[in-house]
Amino acid sequence: MDKVICRLTEEEKDEIEAIFERKVALENLTKLPDVVNNPALYEKLIADYGKTTIRFQKWWQTATEKYQLQGKEVRVDFENAQLLEV
């Protein structure tokens, strides 16, 4: 069973949830033939994915420092706005 590390603020939860959903959506778009076969669209998608990944990493960097998560395997429980140690 996962151990609750902390409760996220509503703002933190909303931010990581939006970034996570965007990241997953962009990953799924890269699998569509219409996107892959359109170089301009694919390039735009990859650029957006790069920016989203950086935002994702920065969020985790901030959370790691704030909640002292170094060395822990952690996941977000979006439903309960918590960080859980796996």
N, C-alpha and C. Protein backbone atom coordinates (compact mmCIF):
# COMPACT_ATOMS: atom_id res chain seq x y z
N MET A 1 0.84 -1.19 0.00
CA MET A 1 0.00 0.00 0.00
C MET A 1 0.89 1.25 0.00
N ASP A 2 0.46 2.24 -0.77
CA ASP A 2 1.22 3.49 -0.87
C ASP A 2 1.07 4.31 0.40
N LYS A 3 2.16 4.98 0.76
CA LYS A 3 2.20 5.81 1.96
C LYS A 3 2.02 7.28 1.59
N VAL A 4 1.11 7.97 2.26
CA VAL A 4 0.88 9.39 2.00
C VAL A 4 2.07 10.18 2.52
N ILE A 5 2.68 10.97 1.65
CA ILE A 5 3.79 11.83 2.04
C ILE A 5 3.27 13.19 2.46
N CYS A 6 2.38 13.74 1.63
CA CYS A 6 1.84 15.06 1.93
C CYS A 6 0.60 15.33 1.10
N ARG A 7 -0.08 16.36 1.46
CA ARG A 7 -1.24 16.83 0.72
C ARG A 7 -0.79 18.01 -0.14
N LEU A 8 -1.18 18.01 -1.40
CA LEU A 8 -0.85 19.11 -2.30
C LEU A 8 -1.87 20.23 -2.14
N THR A 9 -1.42 21.44 -2.42
CA THR A 9 -2.39 22.53 -2.48
C THR A 9 -3.24 22.31 -3.73
N GLU A 10 -4.39 22.93 -3.77
CA GLU A 10 -5.26 22.80 -4.94
C GLU A 10 -4.55 23.31 -6.19
N GLU A 11 -3.80 24.38 -6.03
CA GLU A 11 -3.04 24.96 -7.15
C GLU A 11 -1.98 23.98 -7.66
N GLU A 12 -1.24 23.35 -6.74
CA GLU A 12 -0.22 22.37 -7.13
C GLU A 12 -0.86 21.19 -7.86
N LYS A 13 -1.96 20.69 -7.31
CA LYS A 13 -2.64 19.55 -7.92
C LYS A 13 -3.14 19.90 -9.32
N ASP A 14 -3.78 21.06 -9.44
CA ASP A 14 -4.30 21.48 -10.75
C ASP A 14 -3.19 21.65 -11.77
N GLU A 15 -2.07 22.22 -11.32
CA GLU A 15 -0.95 22.45 -12.23
C GLU A 15 -0.35 21.14 -12.74
N ILE A 16 -0.04 20.20 -11.85
CA ILE A 16 0.57 18.95 -12.29
C ILE A 16 -0.42 18.10 -13.07
N GLU A 17 -1.68 18.18 -12.72
CA GLU A 17 -2.69 17.41 -13.46
C GLU A 17 -2.80 17.92 -14.89
N ALA A 18 -2.81 19.23 -15.07
CA ALA A 18 -2.89 19.80 -16.42
C ALA A 18 -1.65 19.45 -17.24
N ILE A 19 -0.48 19.55 -16.63
CA ILE A 19 0.77 19.22 -17.33
C ILE A 19 0.77 17.74 -17.70
N PHE A 20 0.40 16.89 -16.75
CA PHE A 20 0.39 15.44 -16.98
C PHE A 20 -0.58 15.07 -18.11
N GLU A 21 -1.78 15.63 -18.08
CA GLU A 21 -2.77 15.33 -19.11
C GLU A 21 -2.30 15.79 -20.48
N ARG A 22 -1.69 16.97 -20.54
CA ARG A 22 -1.17 17.48 -21.81
C ARG A 22 -0.05 16.58 -22.33
N LYS A 23 0.85 16.17 -21.45
CA LYS A 23 1.97 15.30 -21.82
C LYS A 23 1.46 13.98 -22.42
N VAL A 24 0.49 13.36 -21.76
CA VAL A 24 -0.08 12.10 -22.23
C VAL A 24 -0.80 12.29 -23.57
N ALA A 25 -1.55 13.38 -23.69
CA ALA A 25 -2.26 13.65 -24.94
C ALA A 25 -1.28 13.83 -26.10
N LEU A 26 -0.20 14.56 -25.86
CA LEU A 26 0.80 14.77 -26.90
C LEU A 26 1.48 13.45 -27.27
N GLU A 27 1.76 12.61 -26.28
CA GLU A 27 2.34 11.29 -26.55
C GLU A 27 1.41 10.46 -27.42
N ASN A 28 0.12 10.51 -27.13
CA ASN A 28 -0.85 9.76 -27.93
C ASN A 28 -0.96 10.30 -29.35
N LEU A 29 -0.86 11.61 -29.51
CA LEU A 29 -0.92 12.20 -30.85
C LEU A 29 0.24 11.76 -31.73
N THR A 30 1.40 11.51 -31.13
CA THR A 30 2.56 11.08 -31.93
C THR A 30 2.34 9.70 -32.54
N LYS A 31 1.32 8.99 -32.12
CA LYS A 31 1.04 7.64 -32.63
C LYS A 31 0.06 7.65 -33.81
N LEU A 32 -0.52 8.81 -34.10
CA LEU A 32 -1.50 8.90 -35.18
C LEU A 32 -0.82 9.07 -36.53
N PRO A 33 -1.17 8.24 -37.51
CA PRO A 33 -0.54 8.33 -38.83
C PRO A 33 -0.68 9.72 -39.47
N ASP A 34 -1.84 10.37 -39.30
CA ASP A 34 -2.04 11.69 -39.89
C ASP A 34 -1.04 12.70 -39.35
N VAL A 35 -0.64 12.55 -38.11
CA VAL A 35 0.33 13.47 -37.50
C VAL A 35 1.74 13.12 -37.94
N VAL A 36 2.06 11.85 -37.89
CA VAL A 36 3.41 11.38 -38.24
C VAL A 36 3.73 11.69 -39.71
N ASN A 37 2.72 11.60 -40.57
CA ASN A 37 2.93 11.81 -42.00
C ASN A 37 2.83 13.28 -42.41
N ASN A 38 2.68 14.17 -41.45
CA ASN A 38 2.63 15.60 -41.73
C ASN A 38 3.82 16.25 -41.02
N PRO A 39 4.93 16.44 -41.73
CA PRO A 39 6.15 16.94 -41.10
C PRO A 39 5.99 18.24 -40.31
N ALA A 40 5.23 19.18 -40.84
CA ALA A 40 5.06 20.47 -40.14
C ALA A 40 4.30 20.28 -38.83
N LEU A 41 3.25 19.49 -38.89
CA LEU A 41 2.45 19.22 -37.69
C LEU A 41 3.26 18.42 -36.67
N TYR A 42 3.98 17.43 -37.16
CA TYR A 42 4.79 16.59 -36.27
C TYR A 42 5.87 17.42 -35.58
N GLU A 43 6.50 18.32 -36.32
CA GLU A 43 7.54 19.18 -35.75
C GLU A 43 6.96 20.07 -34.65
N LYS A 44 5.79 20.62 -34.91
CA LYS A 44 5.11 21.47 -33.93
C LYS A 44 4.75 20.66 -32.68
N LEU A 45 4.28 19.45 -32.90
CA LEU A 45 3.93 18.55 -31.79
C LEU A 45 5.15 18.23 -30.94
N ILE A 46 6.26 17.92 -31.57
CA ILE A 46 7.49 17.58 -30.84
C ILE A 46 7.99 18.78 -30.05
N ALA A 47 7.90 19.98 -30.62
CA ALA A 47 8.32 21.19 -29.92
C ALA A 47 7.44 21.41 -28.68
N ASP A 48 6.14 21.22 -28.83
CA ASP A 48 5.21 21.37 -27.71
C ASP A 48 5.49 20.31 -26.65
N TYR A 49 5.76 19.10 -27.09
CA TYR A 49 6.06 18.02 -26.15
C TYR A 49 7.33 18.33 -25.36
N GLY A 50 8.32 18.89 -26.02
CA GLY A 50 9.56 19.27 -25.34
C GLY A 50 9.30 20.30 -24.24
N LYS A 51 8.53 21.32 -24.56
CA LYS A 51 8.19 22.36 -23.58
C LYS A 51 7.39 21.78 -22.42
N THR A 52 6.45 20.90 -22.74
CA THR A 52 5.62 20.28 -21.71
C THR A 52 6.45 19.39 -20.80
N THR A 53 7.38 18.66 -21.37
CA THR A 53 8.26 17.80 -20.58
C THR A 53 9.12 18.62 -19.63
N ILE A 54 9.60 19.76 -20.09
CA ILE A 54 10.40 20.64 -19.23
C ILE A 54 9.54 21.16 -18.07
N ARG A 55 8.31 21.56 -18.36
CA ARG A 55 7.39 22.02 -17.30
C ARG A 55 7.14 20.89 -16.29
N PHE A 56 6.98 19.67 -16.79
CA PHE A 56 6.75 18.50 -15.95
C PHE A 56 7.95 18.28 -15.01
N GLN A 57 9.14 18.33 -15.57
CA GLN A 57 10.37 18.13 -14.79
C GLN A 57 10.55 19.24 -13.76
N LYS A 58 10.27 20.48 -14.14
CA LYS A 58 10.40 21.60 -13.21
C LYS A 58 9.41 21.47 -12.05
N TRP A 59 8.20 21.03 -12.35
CA TRP A 59 7.21 20.85 -11.29
C TRP A 59 7.73 19.83 -10.28
N TRP A 60 8.25 18.71 -10.78
CA TRP A 60 8.76 17.67 -9.88
C TRP A 60 10.00 18.14 -9.12
N GLN A 61 10.82 18.93 -9.77
CA GLN A 61 12.01 19.49 -9.10
C GLN A 61 11.58 20.35 -7.91
N THR A 62 10.62 21.22 -8.12
CA THR A 62 10.10 22.09 -7.08
C THR A 62 9.46 21.26 -5.96
N ALA A 63 8.65 20.28 -6.34
CA ALA A 63 7.99 19.43 -5.34
C ALA A 63 9.01 18.62 -4.55
N THR A 64 10.06 18.14 -5.21
CA THR A 64 11.10 17.37 -4.54
C THR A 64 11.79 18.20 -3.47
N GLU A 65 12.08 19.44 -3.79
CA GLU A 65 12.72 20.32 -2.81
C GLU A 65 11.76 20.68 -1.68
N LYS A 66 10.55 21.08 -2.03
CA LYS A 66 9.56 21.54 -1.04
C LYS A 66 9.16 20.43 -0.06
N TYR A 67 8.95 19.22 -0.59
CA TYR A 67 8.45 18.12 0.24
C TYR A 67 9.52 17.08 0.58
N GLN A 68 10.78 17.41 0.29
CA GLN A 68 11.93 16.55 0.61
C GLN A 68 11.72 15.12 0.10
N LEU A 69 11.61 15.01 -1.21
CA LEU A 69 11.30 13.72 -1.84
C LEU A 69 12.54 13.00 -2.38
N GLN A 70 13.73 13.56 -2.14
CA GLN A 70 14.95 12.97 -2.67
C GLN A 70 15.03 11.49 -2.29
N GLY A 71 15.31 10.66 -3.31
CA GLY A 71 15.49 9.24 -3.08
C GLY A 71 14.21 8.45 -2.90
N LYS A 72 13.07 9.08 -3.06
CA LYS A 72 11.79 8.39 -2.89
C LYS A 72 11.12 8.20 -4.25
N GLU A 73 10.46 7.06 -4.40
CA GLU A 73 9.64 6.83 -5.59
C GLU A 73 8.24 7.32 -5.26
N VAL A 74 7.80 8.32 -6.01
CA VAL A 74 6.58 9.04 -5.65
C VAL A 74 5.62 9.11 -6.83
N ARG A 75 4.35 9.13 -6.52
CA ARG A 75 3.33 9.35 -7.55
C ARG A 75 2.30 10.33 -7.00
N VAL A 76 1.54 10.93 -7.92
CA VAL A 76 0.49 11.87 -7.53
C VAL A 76 -0.84 11.13 -7.51
N ASP A 77 -1.57 11.30 -6.42
CA ASP A 77 -2.95 10.84 -6.34
C ASP A 77 -3.80 12.07 -6.65
N PHE A 78 -4.26 12.18 -7.89
CA PHE A 78 -5.00 13.36 -8.32
C PHE A 78 -6.35 13.47 -7.61
N GLU A 79 -6.97 12.35 -7.37
CA GLU A 79 -8.29 12.35 -6.73
C GLU A 79 -8.27 12.97 -5.34
N ASN A 80 -7.23 12.66 -4.58
CA ASN A 80 -7.12 13.14 -3.21
C ASN A 80 -6.09 14.25 -3.02
N ALA A 81 -5.49 14.70 -4.11
CA ALA A 81 -4.48 15.77 -4.08
C ALA A 81 -3.37 15.45 -3.09
N GLN A 82 -2.77 14.27 -3.26
CA GLN A 82 -1.70 13.83 -2.38
C GLN A 82 -0.50 13.33 -3.17
N LEU A 83 0.66 13.41 -2.54
CA LEU A 83 1.83 12.72 -3.04
C LEU A 83 1.97 11.44 -2.24
N LEU A 84 2.15 10.34 -2.96
CA LEU A 84 2.25 9.03 -2.31
C LEU A 84 3.60 8.40 -2.61
N GLU A 85 4.18 7.80 -1.60
CA GLU A 85 5.42 7.03 -1.80
C GLU A 85 5.00 5.63 -2.20
N VAL A 86 5.58 5.17 -3.32
CA VAL A 86 5.18 3.87 -3.86
C VAL A 86 6.00 2.76 -3.26
